[in-house]
Amino acid sequence: MTFKNAMRFAIALLAVTLTAIPLHAQTGPSRFDVPFAFLAGGQQMPAGQYAVAFDSTRHVVLRCQRAICGTSVPIAFDTDGADKTVASRGTLQFEKHGDLYVLRRVRTSDRPRFSELVQSKQELQAVAAIHDNVLLASIDAR
């Protein structure tokens, strides 16, 4: 290998390495501290620490950090544009109906758009039974 080819190889290797570092930093789940119990995908989830990520089947995957629980919720649609006003590490948005919190939208560090979640039959029935004003609650990733 000539010196010129060795330099090209070294520069190419350096470029690949530097490109891979930011991509690796963006992968992995966003982490959230949720201080209240909530419904997600028809499942009652306890208050606690969660790892949240998107899978390849257009589902949001929530995993508890301390308890044995988790769920996968299908995505209804993504919003039109990235929301620059939210935390760059991600945000969970809940609807609050009386004492009931329902997870409605998710944004993680590797997806700048909010994803609206499909409401389960259980969530629709629970919300319909509560005749109260809807409030919104947002939690940013830690």
C-alpha atoms as a PDB file:
ATOM      1  CA  MET A   1       0.000   0.000   0.000  1.00  0.00           C
ATOM      2  CA  THR A   2       1.417   3.359  -0.981  1.00  0.00           C
ATOM      3  CA  PHE A   3       1.564   6.302   1.374  1.00  0.00           C
ATOM      4  CA  LYS A   4      -1.155   8.090  -0.630  1.00  0.00           C
ATOM      5  CA  ASN A   5      -3.508   5.083  -0.392  1.00  0.00           C
ATOM      6  CA  ALA A   6      -2.735   4.662   3.307  1.00  0.00           C
ATOM      7  CA  MET A   7      -3.674   8.320   3.934  1.00  0.00           C
ATOM      8  CA  ARG A   8      -6.936   7.910   1.997  1.00  0.00           C
ATOM      9  CA  PHE A   9      -7.747   4.810   4.020  1.00  0.00           C
ATOM     10  CA  ALA A  10      -6.980   6.585   7.317  1.00  0.00           C
ATOM     11  CA  ILE A  11      -9.125   9.591   6.391  1.00  0.00           C
ATOM     12  CA  ALA A  12     -11.999   7.359   5.297  1.00  0.00           C
ATOM     13  CA  LEU A  13     -11.757   5.348   8.519  1.00  0.00           C
ATOM     14  CA  LEU A  14     -11.737   8.542  10.588  1.00  0.00           C
ATOM     15  CA  ALA A  15     -14.791   9.873   8.717  1.00  0.00           C
ATOM     16  CA  VAL A  16     -16.720   6.636   9.293  1.00  0.00           C
ATOM     17  CA  THR A  17     -15.787   6.608  12.981  1.00  0.00           C
ATOM     18  CA  LEU A  18     -16.823  10.228  13.527  1.00  0.00           C
ATOM     19  CA  THR A  19     -20.100   9.662  11.693  1.00  0.00           C
ATOM     20  CA  ALA A  20     -20.940   6.597  13.762  1.00  0.00           C
ATOM     21  CA  ILE A  21     -20.468   8.327  17.130  1.00  0.00           C
ATOM     22  CA  PRO A  22     -23.471  10.705  16.849  1.00  0.00           C
ATOM     23  CA  LEU A  23     -25.650   7.909  15.426  1.00  0.00           C
ATOM     24  CA  HIS A  24     -24.836   5.680  18.367  1.00  0.00           C
ATOM     25  CA  ALA A  25     -25.608   8.475  20.834  1.00  0.00           C
ATOM     26  CA  GLN A  26     -29.111   8.876  19.380  1.00  0.00           C
ATOM     27  CA  THR A  27     -30.113   5.235  19.671  1.00  0.00           C
ATOM     28  CA  GLY A  28     -31.566   3.573  22.706  1.00  0.00           C
ATOM     29  CA  PRO A  29     -34.630   4.350  24.751  1.00  0.00           C
ATOM     30  CA  SER A  30     -35.502   7.686  26.308  1.00  0.00           C
ATOM     31  CA  ARG A  31     -35.939   7.524  30.086  1.00  0.00           C
ATOM     32  CA  PHE A  32     -38.809   9.093  32.010  1.00  0.00           C
ATOM     33  CA  ASP A  33     -39.848   9.421  35.675  1.00  0.00           C
ATOM     34  CA  VAL A  34     -43.658   9.227  35.729  1.00  0.00           C
ATOM     35  CA  PRO A  35     -45.034  10.235  39.158  1.00  0.00           C
ATOM     36  CA  PHE A  36     -48.525   8.765  38.644  1.00  0.00           C
ATOM     37  CA  ALA A  37     -50.215   5.565  37.437  1.00  0.00           C
ATOM     38  CA  PHE A  38     -51.589   5.730  33.888  1.00  0.00           C
ATOM     39  CA  LEU A  39     -53.239   3.771  31.081  1.00  0.00           C
ATOM     40  CA  ALA A  40     -51.248   2.876  27.970  1.00  0.00           C
ATOM     41  CA  GLY A  41     -52.512   0.494  25.335  1.00  0.00           C
ATOM     42  CA  GLY A  42     -55.314  -0.598  27.633  1.00  0.00           C
ATOM     43  CA  GLN A  43     -52.903  -1.619  30.383  1.00  0.00           C
ATOM     44  CA  GLN A  44     -52.696   0.013  33.801  1.00  0.00           C
ATOM     45  CA  MET A  45     -49.075   1.096  34.313  1.00  0.00           C
ATOM     46  CA  PRO A  46     -47.724   2.004  37.778  1.00  0.00           C
ATOM     47  CA  ALA A  47     -45.911   5.216  38.628  1.00  0.00           C
ATOM     48  CA  GLY A  48     -42.169   4.808  38.188  1.00  0.00           C
ATOM     49  CA  GLN A  49     -39.202   5.002  35.868  1.00  0.00           C
ATOM     50  CA  TYR A  50     -39.727   4.007  32.237  1.00  0.00           C
ATOM     51  CA  ALA A  51     -37.593   3.344  29.191  1.00  0.00           C
ATOM     52  CA  VAL A  52     -39.508   4.326  26.057  1.00  0.00           C
ATOM     53  CA  ALA A  53     -38.541   3.492  22.471  1.00  0.00           C
ATOM     54  CA  PHE A  54     -40.085   2.863  19.063  1.00  0.00           C
ATOM     55  CA  ASP A  55     -39.865  -0.558  17.454  1.00  0.00           C
ATOM     56  CA  SER A  56     -39.855  -1.484  13.769  1.00  0.00           C
ATOM     57  CA  THR A  57     -43.582  -2.356  13.747  1.00  0.00           C
ATOM     58  CA  ARG A  58     -44.792   1.219  14.461  1.00  0.00           C
ATOM     59  CA  HIS A  59     -45.328   0.588  18.160  1.00  0.00           C
ATOM     60  CA  VAL A  60     -44.146   2.526  21.183  1.00  0.00           C
ATOM     61  CA  VAL A  61     -42.565   0.173  23.712  1.00  0.00           C
ATOM     62  CA  LEU A  62     -42.683   1.132  27.414  1.00  0.00           C
ATOM     63  CA  ARG A  63     -40.656  -0.823  29.961  1.00  0.00           C
ATOM     64  CA  CYS A  64     -40.678  -0.299  33.728  1.00  0.00           C
ATOM     65  CA  GLN A  65     -37.285   0.033  35.337  1.00  0.00           C
ATOM     66  CA  ARG A  66     -38.041  -1.393  38.809  1.00  0.00           C
ATOM     67  CA  ALA A  67     -41.225  -3.444  38.445  1.00  0.00           C
ATOM     68  CA  ILE A  68     -41.958  -6.277  36.076  1.00  0.00           C
ATOM     69  CA  CYS A  69     -44.230  -4.527  33.627  1.00  0.00           C
ATOM     70  CA  GLY A  70     -44.309  -3.161  30.139  1.00  0.00           C
ATOM     71  CA  THR A  71     -46.514  -2.728  27.121  1.00  0.00           C
ATOM     72  CA  SER A  72     -46.414  -2.024  23.415  1.00  0.00           C
ATOM     73  CA  VAL A  73     -48.843   0.561  22.007  1.00  0.00           C
ATOM     74  CA  PRO A  74     -49.545   1.026  18.280  1.00  0.00           C
ATOM     75  CA  ILE A  75     -48.966   4.441  16.728  1.00  0.00           C
ATOM     76  CA  ALA A  76     -52.024   6.036  15.094  1.00  0.00           C
ATOM     77  CA  PHE A  77     -50.052   8.722  13.228  1.00  0.00           C
ATOM     78  CA  ASP A  78     -47.095  11.090  13.500  1.00  0.00           C
ATOM     79  CA  THR A  79     -47.538  14.855  13.693  1.00  0.00           C
ATOM     80  CA  ASP A  80     -46.660  16.945  10.641  1.00  0.00           C
ATOM     81  CA  GLY A  81     -43.513  18.638  11.902  1.00  0.00           C
ATOM     82  CA  ALA A  82     -40.866  18.484  14.563  1.00  0.00           C
ATOM     83  CA  ASP A  83     -41.705  20.430  17.705  1.00  0.00           C
ATOM     84  CA  LYS A  84     -38.631  22.489  18.615  1.00  0.00           C
ATOM     85  CA  THR A  85     -40.181  23.715  21.884  1.00  0.00           C
ATOM     86  CA  VAL A  86     -39.955  20.374  23.684  1.00  0.00           C
ATOM     87  CA  ALA A  87     -36.983  18.822  25.429  1.00  0.00           C
ATOM     88  CA  SER A  88     -34.532  17.234  23.013  1.00  0.00           C
ATOM     89  CA  ARG A  89     -34.433  14.010  25.031  1.00  0.00           C
ATOM     90  CA  GLY A  90     -38.154  13.315  24.589  1.00  0.00           C
ATOM     91  CA  THR A  91     -41.590  14.004  26.041  1.00  0.00           C
ATOM     92  CA  LEU A  92     -44.607  11.973  27.149  1.00  0.00           C
ATOM     93  CA  GLN A  93     -47.982  13.716  26.925  1.00  0.00           C
ATOM     94  CA  PHE A  94     -50.949  12.499  28.940  1.00  0.00           C
ATOM     95  CA  GLU A  95     -54.629  13.377  29.036  1.00  0.00           C
ATOM     96  CA  LYS A  96     -55.992  13.687  32.572  1.00  0.00           C
ATOM     97  CA  HIS A  97     -59.640  12.759  33.110  1.00  0.00           C
ATOM     98  CA  GLY A  98     -60.463  13.183  36.793  1.00  0.00           C
ATOM     99  CA  ASP A  99     -57.869  10.967  38.530  1.00  0.00           C
ATOM    100  CA  LEU A 100     -57.180   8.923  35.373  1.00  0.00           C
ATOM    101  CA  TYR A 101     -54.102   9.632  33.229  1.00  0.00           C
ATOM    102  CA  VAL A 102     -53.972   8.258  29.669  1.00  0.00           C
ATOM    103  CA  LEU A 103     -50.773   8.289  27.602  1.00  0.00           C
ATOM    104  CA  ARG A 104     -51.640   9.952  24.262  1.00  0.00           C
ATOM    105  CA  ARG A 105     -48.430  11.211  22.583  1.00  0.00           C
ATOM    106  CA  VAL A 106     -44.765  10.229  22.669  1.00  0.00           C
ATOM    107  CA  ARG A 107     -41.597  11.879  21.375  1.00  0.00           C
ATOM    108  CA  THR A 108     -38.153  10.374  21.988  1.00  0.00           C
ATOM    109  CA  SER A 109     -34.630  11.613  21.388  1.00  0.00           C
ATOM    110  CA  ASP A 110     -34.385   9.809  18.058  1.00  0.00           C
ATOM    111  CA  ARG A 111     -37.859  10.857  16.759  1.00  0.00           C
ATOM    112  CA  PRO A 112     -38.416  14.645  16.732  1.00  0.00           C
ATOM    113  CA  ARG A 113     -42.112  14.336  15.872  1.00  0.00           C
ATOM    114  CA  PHE A 114     -44.814  13.485  18.358  1.00  0.00           C
ATOM    115  CA  SER A 115     -46.501  10.152  17.670  1.00  0.00           C
ATOM    116  CA  GLU A 116     -50.191   9.968  18.523  1.00  0.00           C
ATOM    117  CA  LEU A 117     -51.074   6.619  20.093  1.00  0.00           C
ATOM    118  CA  VAL A 118     -54.056   4.428  19.261  1.00  0.00           C
ATOM    119  CA  GLN A 119     -56.608   4.459  22.079  1.00  0.00           C
ATOM    120  CA  SER A 120     -57.652   1.009  23.254  1.00  0.00           C
ATOM    121  CA  LYS A 121     -61.242  -0.010  23.891  1.00  0.00           C
ATOM    122  CA  GLN A 122     -60.520  -0.009  27.647  1.00  0.00           C
ATOM    123  CA  GLU A 123     -59.198   3.568  27.489  1.00  0.00           C
ATOM    124  CA  LEU A 124     -62.208   4.791  25.502  1.00  0.00           C
ATOM    125  CA  GLN A 125     -64.611   3.157  27.978  1.00  0.00           C
ATOM    126  CA  ALA A 126     -62.769   4.517  31.027  1.00  0.00           C
ATOM    127  CA  VAL A 127     -62.665   8.051  29.621  1.00  0.00           C
ATOM    128  CA  ALA A 128     -66.348   7.914  28.595  1.00  0.00           C
ATOM    129  CA  ALA A 129     -67.318   6.970  32.165  1.00  0.00           C
ATOM    130  CA  ILE A 130     -65.668  10.120  33.551  1.00  0.00           C
ATOM    131  CA  HIS A 131     -67.574  13.310  32.843  1.00  0.00           C
ATOM    132  CA  ASP A 132     -64.839  15.835  33.549  1.00  0.00           C
ATOM    133  CA  ASN A 133     -62.763  18.386  31.696  1.00  0.00           C
ATOM    134  CA  VAL A 134     -59.662  17.052  29.959  1.00  0.00           C
ATOM    135  CA  LEU A 135     -56.354  18.403  31.201  1.00  0.00           C
ATOM    136  CA  LEU A 136     -52.948  17.807  29.619  1.00  0.00           C
ATOM    137  CA  ALA A 137     -49.783  16.789  31.440  1.00  0.00           C
ATOM    138  CA  SER A 138     -46.307  16.559  29.889  1.00  0.00           C
ATOM    139  CA  ILE A 139     -43.213  14.845  31.272  1.00  0.00           C
ATOM    140  CA  ASP A 140     -39.794  15.470  29.727  1.00  0.00           C
ATOM    141  CA  ALA A 141     -37.138  12.770  29.585  1.00  0.00           C
ATOM    142  CA  ARG A 142     -34.395  12.874  32.165  1.00  0.00           C
END
